[in-house]
């Protein structure tokens, strides 16, 4: 059961992170570090990778700000 919770942890973190960023319209330095860490240390699902790529696209388009 512990392994299952460990496997779901990145899913919950990414979902919450994406929600926070879109709600505030800002990606903070701490959130950027968290995204980098998730990519480096976890095998992310295609859905999570797509969510993060959408965040990055929104930043490039100017819809979200990086502080």
PDB file of N, CA and C in Angstrom:
ATOM      1  N   UNK A   1       0.827  -1.194   0.000  1.00  0.00           N
ATOM      2  CA  UNK A   1       0.000   0.000   0.000  1.00  0.00           C
ATOM      3  C   UNK A   1       0.868   1.253   0.000  1.00  0.00           C
ATOM      4  N   UNK A   2       1.995   1.234   0.701  1.00  0.00           N
ATOM      5  CA  UNK A   2       2.896   2.374   0.728  1.00  0.00           C
ATOM      6  C   UNK A   2       3.434   2.698  -0.649  1.00  0.00           C
ATOM      7  N   UNK A   3       3.743   1.656  -1.431  1.00  0.00           N
ATOM      8  CA  UNK A   3       4.258   1.874  -2.779  1.00  0.00           C
ATOM      9  C   UNK A   3       3.218   2.557  -3.651  1.00  0.00           C
ATOM     10  N   UNK A   4       1.966   2.146  -3.508  1.00  0.00           N
ATOM     11  CA  UNK A   4       0.895   2.749  -4.289  1.00  0.00           C
ATOM     12  C   UNK A   4       0.783   4.236  -3.978  1.00  0.00           C
ATOM     13  N   UNK A   5       0.843   4.591  -2.713  1.00  0.00           N
ATOM     14  CA  UNK A   5       0.781   6.005  -2.331  1.00  0.00           C
ATOM     15  C   UNK A   5       1.975   6.759  -2.887  1.00  0.00           C
ATOM     16  N   UNK A   6       3.153   6.142  -2.866  1.00  0.00           N
ATOM     17  CA  UNK A   6       4.364   6.757  -3.403  1.00  0.00           C
ATOM     18  C   UNK A   6       4.219   6.999  -4.902  1.00  0.00           C
ATOM     19  N   UNK A   7       3.603   6.065  -5.613  1.00  0.00           N
ATOM     20  CA  UNK A   7       3.427   6.199  -7.057  1.00  0.00           C
ATOM     21  C   UNK A   7       2.423   7.291  -7.388  1.00  0.00           C
ATOM     22  N   UNK A   8       1.431   7.506  -6.548  1.00  0.00           N
ATOM     23  CA  UNK A   8       0.406   8.513  -6.806  1.00  0.00           C
ATOM     24  C   UNK A   8       0.837   9.909  -6.380  1.00  0.00           C
ATOM     25  N   UNK A   9       1.865  10.013  -5.566  1.00  0.00           N
ATOM     26  CA  UNK A   9       2.301  11.309  -5.062  1.00  0.00           C
ATOM     27  C   UNK A   9       2.593  12.313  -6.176  1.00  0.00           C
ATOM     28  N   UNK A  10       3.386  11.977  -7.206  1.00  0.00           N
ATOM     29  CA  UNK A  10       3.616  12.953  -8.293  1.00  0.00           C
ATOM     30  C   UNK A  10       2.321  13.386  -8.978  1.00  0.00           C
ATOM     31  N   UNK A  11       1.357  12.469  -9.104  1.00  0.00           N
ATOM     32  CA  UNK A  11       0.076  12.795  -9.737  1.00  0.00           C
ATOM     33  C   UNK A  11      -0.631  13.905  -8.967  1.00  0.00           C
ATOM     34  N   UNK A  12      -0.676  13.765  -7.658  1.00  0.00           N
ATOM     35  CA  UNK A  12      -1.346  14.748  -6.804  1.00  0.00           C
ATOM     36  C   UNK A  12      -0.588  16.068  -6.822  1.00  0.00           C
ATOM     37  N   UNK A  13       0.727  16.009  -6.739  1.00  0.00           N
ATOM     38  CA  UNK A  13       1.545  17.218  -6.734  1.00  0.00           C
ATOM     39  C   UNK A  13       1.362  17.992  -8.031  1.00  0.00           C
ATOM     40  N   UNK A  14       1.408  17.322  -9.151  1.00  0.00           N
ATOM     41  CA  UNK A  14       1.286  17.997 -10.446  1.00  0.00           C
ATOM     42  C   UNK A  14      -0.104  18.591 -10.610  1.00  0.00           C
ATOM     43  N   UNK A  15      -1.123  17.856 -10.244  1.00  0.00           N
ATOM     44  CA  UNK A  15      -2.491  18.366 -10.354  1.00  0.00           C
ATOM     45  C   UNK A  15      -2.657  19.635  -9.528  1.00  0.00           C
ATOM     46  N   UNK A  16      -2.195  19.606  -8.289  1.00  0.00           N
ATOM     47  CA  UNK A  16      -2.295  20.766  -7.408  1.00  0.00           C
ATOM     48  C   UNK A  16      -1.445  21.928  -7.920  1.00  0.00           C
ATOM     49  N   UNK A  17      -0.257  21.624  -8.385  1.00  0.00           N
ATOM     50  CA  UNK A  17       0.649  22.652  -8.896  1.00  0.00           C
ATOM     51  C   UNK A  17       0.050  23.370 -10.109  1.00  0.00           C
ATOM     52  N   UNK A  18      -0.470  22.605 -11.045  1.00  0.00           N
ATOM     53  CA  UNK A  18      -1.080  23.188 -12.243  1.00  0.00           C
ATOM     54  C   UNK A  18      -2.274  24.051 -11.854  1.00  0.00           C
ATOM     55  N   UNK A  19      -3.093  23.566 -10.929  1.00  0.00           N
ATOM     56  CA  UNK A  19      -4.243  24.335 -10.467  1.00  0.00           C
ATOM     57  C   UNK A  19      -3.805  25.661  -9.851  1.00  0.00           C
ATOM     58  N   UNK A  20      -2.803  25.618  -8.973  1.00  0.00           N
ATOM     59  CA  UNK A  20      -2.324  26.833  -8.311  1.00  0.00           C
ATOM     60  C   UNK A  20      -1.791  27.853  -9.317  1.00  0.00           C
ATOM     61  N   UNK A  21      -1.019  27.388 -10.268  1.00  0.00           N
ATOM     62  CA  UNK A  21      -0.419  28.295 -11.248  1.00  0.00           C
ATOM     63  C   UNK A  21      -1.495  28.950 -12.113  1.00  0.00           C
ATOM     64  N   UNK A  22      -2.428  28.160 -12.622  1.00  0.00           N
ATOM     65  CA  UNK A  22      -3.484  28.741 -13.453  1.00  0.00           C
ATOM     66  C   UNK A  22      -4.375  29.680 -12.651  1.00  0.00           C
ATOM     67  N   UNK A  23      -4.628  29.338 -11.402  1.00  0.00           N
ATOM     68  CA  UNK A  23      -5.477  30.186 -10.563  1.00  0.00           C
ATOM     69  C   UNK A  23      -4.835  31.543 -10.278  1.00  0.00           C
ATOM     70  N   UNK A  24      -3.526  31.515 -10.014  1.00  0.00           N
ATOM     71  CA  UNK A  24      -2.838  32.762  -9.683  1.00  0.00           C
ATOM     72  C   UNK A  24      -2.322  33.492 -10.920  1.00  0.00           C
ATOM     73  N   UNK A  25      -2.088  32.743 -11.994  1.00  0.00           N
ATOM     74  CA  UNK A  25      -1.529  33.347 -13.199  1.00  0.00           C
ATOM     75  C   UNK A  25      -0.024  33.545 -13.113  1.00  0.00           C
ATOM     76  N   UNK A  26       0.593  32.964 -12.074  1.00  0.00           N
ATOM     77  CA  UNK A  26       2.029  33.159 -11.823  1.00  0.00           C
ATOM     78  C   UNK A  26       2.680  31.819 -11.493  1.00  0.00           C
ATOM     79  N   UNK A  27       3.855  31.596 -12.083  1.00  0.00           N
ATOM     80  CA  UNK A  27       4.690  30.446 -11.749  1.00  0.00           C
ATOM     81  C   UNK A  27       5.869  30.964 -10.935  1.00  0.00           C
ATOM     82  N   UNK A  28       5.953  30.546  -9.688  1.00  0.00           N
ATOM     83  CA  UNK A  28       7.014  31.030  -8.806  1.00  0.00           C
ATOM     84  C   UNK A  28       8.300  30.221  -8.997  1.00  0.00           C
ATOM     85  N   UNK A  29       9.378  30.753  -8.464  1.00  0.00           N
ATOM     86  CA  UNK A  29      10.670  30.069  -8.508  1.00  0.00           C
ATOM     87  C   UNK A  29      10.573  28.697  -7.828  1.00  0.00           C
ATOM     88  N   UNK A  30       9.887  28.638  -6.690  1.00  0.00           N
ATOM     89  CA  UNK A  30       9.729  27.379  -5.964  1.00  0.00           C
ATOM     90  C   UNK A  30       8.946  26.355  -6.793  1.00  0.00           C
ATOM     91  N   UNK A  31       7.911  26.789  -7.469  1.00  0.00           N
ATOM     92  CA  UNK A  31       7.133  25.886  -8.322  1.00  0.00           C
ATOM     93  C   UNK A  31       7.961  25.393  -9.502  1.00  0.00           C
ATOM     94  N   UNK A  32       8.805  26.262 -10.039  1.00  0.00           N
ATOM     95  CA  UNK A  32       9.696  25.845 -11.131  1.00  0.00           C
ATOM     96  C   UNK A  32      10.643  24.748 -10.665  1.00  0.00           C
ATOM     97  N   UNK A  33      11.194  24.906  -9.458  1.00  0.00           N
ATOM     98  CA  UNK A  33      12.090  23.890  -8.897  1.00  0.00           C
ATOM     99  C   UNK A  33      11.354  22.577  -8.674  1.00  0.00           C
ATOM    100  N   UNK A  34      10.103  22.668  -8.239  1.00  0.00           N
ATOM    101  CA  UNK A  34       9.305  21.475  -8.006  1.00  0.00           C
ATOM    102  C   UNK A  34       9.052  20.724  -9.316  1.00  0.00           C
ATOM    103  N   UNK A  35       8.731  21.454 -10.373  1.00  0.00           N
ATOM    104  CA  UNK A  35       8.518  20.836 -11.685  1.00  0.00           C
ATOM    105  C   UNK A  35       9.796  20.143 -12.161  1.00  0.00           C
ATOM    106  N   UNK A  36      10.911  20.827 -12.025  1.00  0.00           N
ATOM    107  CA  UNK A  36      12.196  20.250 -12.434  1.00  0.00           C
ATOM    108  C   UNK A  36      12.473  18.965 -11.661  1.00  0.00           C
ATOM    109  N   UNK A  37      12.239  18.993 -10.367  1.00  0.00           N
ATOM    110  CA  UNK A  37      12.462  17.818  -9.527  1.00  0.00           C
ATOM    111  C   UNK A  37      11.564  16.658  -9.948  1.00  0.00           C
ATOM    112  N   UNK A  38      10.318  16.947 -10.256  1.00  0.00           N
ATOM    113  CA  UNK A  38       9.400  15.890 -10.680  1.00  0.00           C
ATOM    114  C   UNK A  38       9.874  15.245 -11.974  1.00  0.00           C
ATOM    115  N   UNK A  39      10.341  16.050 -12.917  1.00  0.00           N
ATOM    116  CA  UNK A  39      10.862  15.504 -14.172  1.00  0.00           C
ATOM    117  C   UNK A  39      12.112  14.662 -13.955  1.00  0.00           C
ATOM    118  N   UNK A  40      12.983  15.097 -13.061  1.00  0.00           N
ATOM    119  CA  UNK A  40      14.251  14.399 -12.852  1.00  0.00           C
ATOM    120  C   UNK A  40      14.102  13.096 -12.082  1.00  0.00           C
ATOM    121  N   UNK A  41      13.205  13.057 -11.102  1.00  0.00           N
ATOM    122  CA  UNK A  41      13.186  11.938 -10.167  1.00  0.00           C
ATOM    123  C   UNK A  41      11.965  11.033 -10.250  1.00  0.00           C
ATOM    124  N   UNK A  42      11.029  11.320 -11.149  1.00  0.00           N
ATOM    125  CA  UNK A  42       9.830  10.493 -11.261  1.00  0.00           C
ATOM    126  C   UNK A  42       9.544  10.185 -12.725  1.00  0.00           C
ATOM    127  N   UNK A  43       8.971   9.022 -12.930  1.00  0.00           N
ATOM    128  CA  UNK A  43       8.532   8.626 -14.275  1.00  0.00           C
ATOM    129  C   UNK A  43       7.096   9.116 -14.430  1.00  0.00           C
ATOM    130  N   UNK A  44       6.926  10.263 -15.069  1.00  0.00           N
ATOM    131  CA  UNK A  44       5.617  10.895 -15.160  1.00  0.00           C
ATOM    132  C   UNK A  44       4.768  10.276 -16.259  1.00  0.00           C
ATOM    133  N   UNK A  45       3.478  10.251 -16.008  1.00  0.00           N
ATOM    134  CA  UNK A  45       2.548   9.740 -17.017  1.00  0.00           C
ATOM    135  C   UNK A  45       2.458  10.732 -18.180  1.00  0.00           C
ATOM    136  N   UNK A  46       1.916  10.272 -19.266  1.00  0.00           N
ATOM    137  CA  UNK A  46       1.741  11.137 -20.434  1.00  0.00           C
ATOM    138  C   UNK A  46       0.811  12.301 -20.102  1.00  0.00           C
ATOM    139  N   UNK A  47      -0.206  12.033 -19.305  1.00  0.00           N
ATOM    140  CA  UNK A  47      -1.152  13.082 -18.903  1.00  0.00           C
ATOM    141  C   UNK A  47      -0.450  14.184 -18.099  1.00  0.00           C
ATOM    142  N   UNK A  48       0.419  13.782 -17.167  1.00  0.00           N
ATOM    143  CA  UNK A  48       1.147  14.773 -16.368  1.00  0.00           C
ATOM    144  C   UNK A  48       2.139  15.557 -17.214  1.00  0.00           C
ATOM    145  N   UNK A  49       2.815  14.877 -18.107  1.00  0.00           N
ATOM    146  CA  UNK A  49       3.753  15.556 -18.998  1.00  0.00           C
ATOM    147  C   UNK A  49       3.006  16.576 -19.861  1.00  0.00           C
ATOM    148  N   UNK A  50       1.835  16.196 -20.338  1.00  0.00           N
ATOM    149  CA  UNK A  50       1.019  17.107 -21.144  1.00  0.00           C
ATOM    150  C   UNK A  50       0.589  18.322 -20.318  1.00  0.00           C
ATOM    151  N   UNK A  51       0.202  18.111 -19.079  1.00  0.00           N
ATOM    152  CA  UNK A  51      -0.207  19.226 -18.208  1.00  0.00           C
ATOM    153  C   UNK A  51       0.932  20.220 -18.022  1.00  0.00           C
ATOM    154  N   UNK A  52       2.120  19.704 -17.784  1.00  0.00           N
ATOM    155  CA  UNK A  52       3.280  20.580 -17.591  1.00  0.00           C
ATOM    156  C   UNK A  52       3.629  21.288 -18.899  1.00  0.00           C
ATOM    157  N   UNK A  53       3.555  20.571 -20.006  1.00  0.00           N
ATOM    158  CA  UNK A  53       3.822  21.205 -21.304  1.00  0.00           C
ATOM    159  C   UNK A  53       2.821  22.322 -21.602  1.00  0.00           C
ATOM    160  N   UNK A  54       1.586  22.152 -21.186  1.00  0.00           N
ATOM    161  CA  UNK A  54       0.577  23.204 -21.368  1.00  0.00           C
ATOM    162  C   UNK A  54       0.914  24.436 -20.533  1.00  0.00           C
ATOM    163  N   UNK A  55       1.414  24.195 -19.319  1.00  0.00           N
ATOM    164  CA  UNK A  55       1.869  25.319 -18.484  1.00  0.00           C
ATOM    165  C   UNK A  55       2.977  26.081 -19.193  1.00  0.00           C
ATOM    166  N   UNK A  56       3.944  25.358 -19.700  1.00  0.00           N
ATOM    167  CA  UNK A  56       5.075  25.995 -20.376  1.00  0.00           C
ATOM    168  C   UNK A  56       4.613  26.744 -21.627  1.00  0.00           C
ATOM    169  N   UNK A  57       3.663  26.179 -22.338  1.00  0.00           N
ATOM    170  CA  UNK A  57       3.108  26.848 -23.518  1.00  0.00           C
ATOM    171  C   UNK A  57       2.416  28.153 -23.119  1.00  0.00           C
ATOM    172  N   UNK A  58       1.650  28.109 -22.040  1.00  0.00           N
ATOM    173  CA  UNK A  58       0.952  29.314 -21.560  1.00  0.00           C
ATOM    174  C   UNK A  58       1.951  30.392 -21.153  1.00  0.00           C
ATOM    175  N   UNK A  59       3.074  29.997 -20.605  1.00  0.00           N
ATOM    176  CA  UNK A  59       4.119  30.962 -20.239  1.00  0.00           C
ATOM    177  C   UNK A  59       4.717  31.585 -21.493  1.00  0.00           C
ATOM    178  N   UNK A  60       5.044  30.749 -22.476  1.00  0.00           N
ATOM    179  CA  UNK A  60       5.603  31.271 -23.729  1.00  0.00           C
ATOM    180  C   UNK A  60       4.646  32.225 -24.430  1.00  0.00           C
ATOM    181  N   UNK A  61       3.358  31.964 -24.342  1.00  0.00           N
ATOM    182  CA  UNK A  61       2.354  32.804 -24.992  1.00  0.00           C
ATOM    183  C   UNK A  61       2.069  34.090 -24.198  1.00  0.00           C
ATOM    184  N   UNK A  62       2.556  34.142 -22.975  1.00  0.00           N
ATOM    185  CA  UNK A  62       2.330  35.324 -22.148  1.00  0.00           C
ATOM    186  C   UNK A  62       1.054  35.263 -21.320  1.00  0.00           C
ATOM    187  N   UNK A  63       0.414  34.111 -21.281  1.00  0.00           N
ATOM    188  CA  UNK A  63      -0.819  33.972 -20.525  1.00  0.00           C
ATOM    189  C   UNK A  63      -0.530  33.798 -19.033  1.00  0.00           C
ATOM    190  N   UNK A  64       0.663  33.304 -18.708  1.00  0.00           N
ATOM    191  CA  UNK A  64       1.112  33.151 -17.322  1.00  0.00           C
ATOM    192  C   UNK A  64       2.442  33.862 -17.161  1.00  0.00           C
ATOM    193  N   UNK A  65       2.685  34.349 -15.964  1.00  0.00           N
ATOM    194  CA  UNK A  65       3.936  35.045 -15.689  1.00  0.00           C
ATOM    195  C   UNK A  65       4.844  34.172 -14.835  1.00  0.00           C
ATOM    196  N   UNK A  66       6.149  34.381 -15.008  1.00  0.00           N
ATOM    197  CA  UNK A  66       7.153  33.714 -14.198  1.00  0.00           C
ATOM    198  C   UNK A  66       7.797  34.770 -13.310  1.00  0.00           C
ATOM    199  N   UNK A  67       7.811  34.516 -11.995  1.00  0.00           N
ATOM    200  CA  UNK A  67       8.437  35.471 -11.070  1.00  0.00           C
ATOM    201  C   UNK A  67       9.545  34.789 -10.295  1.00  0.00           C
TER     202      UNK A  67
END
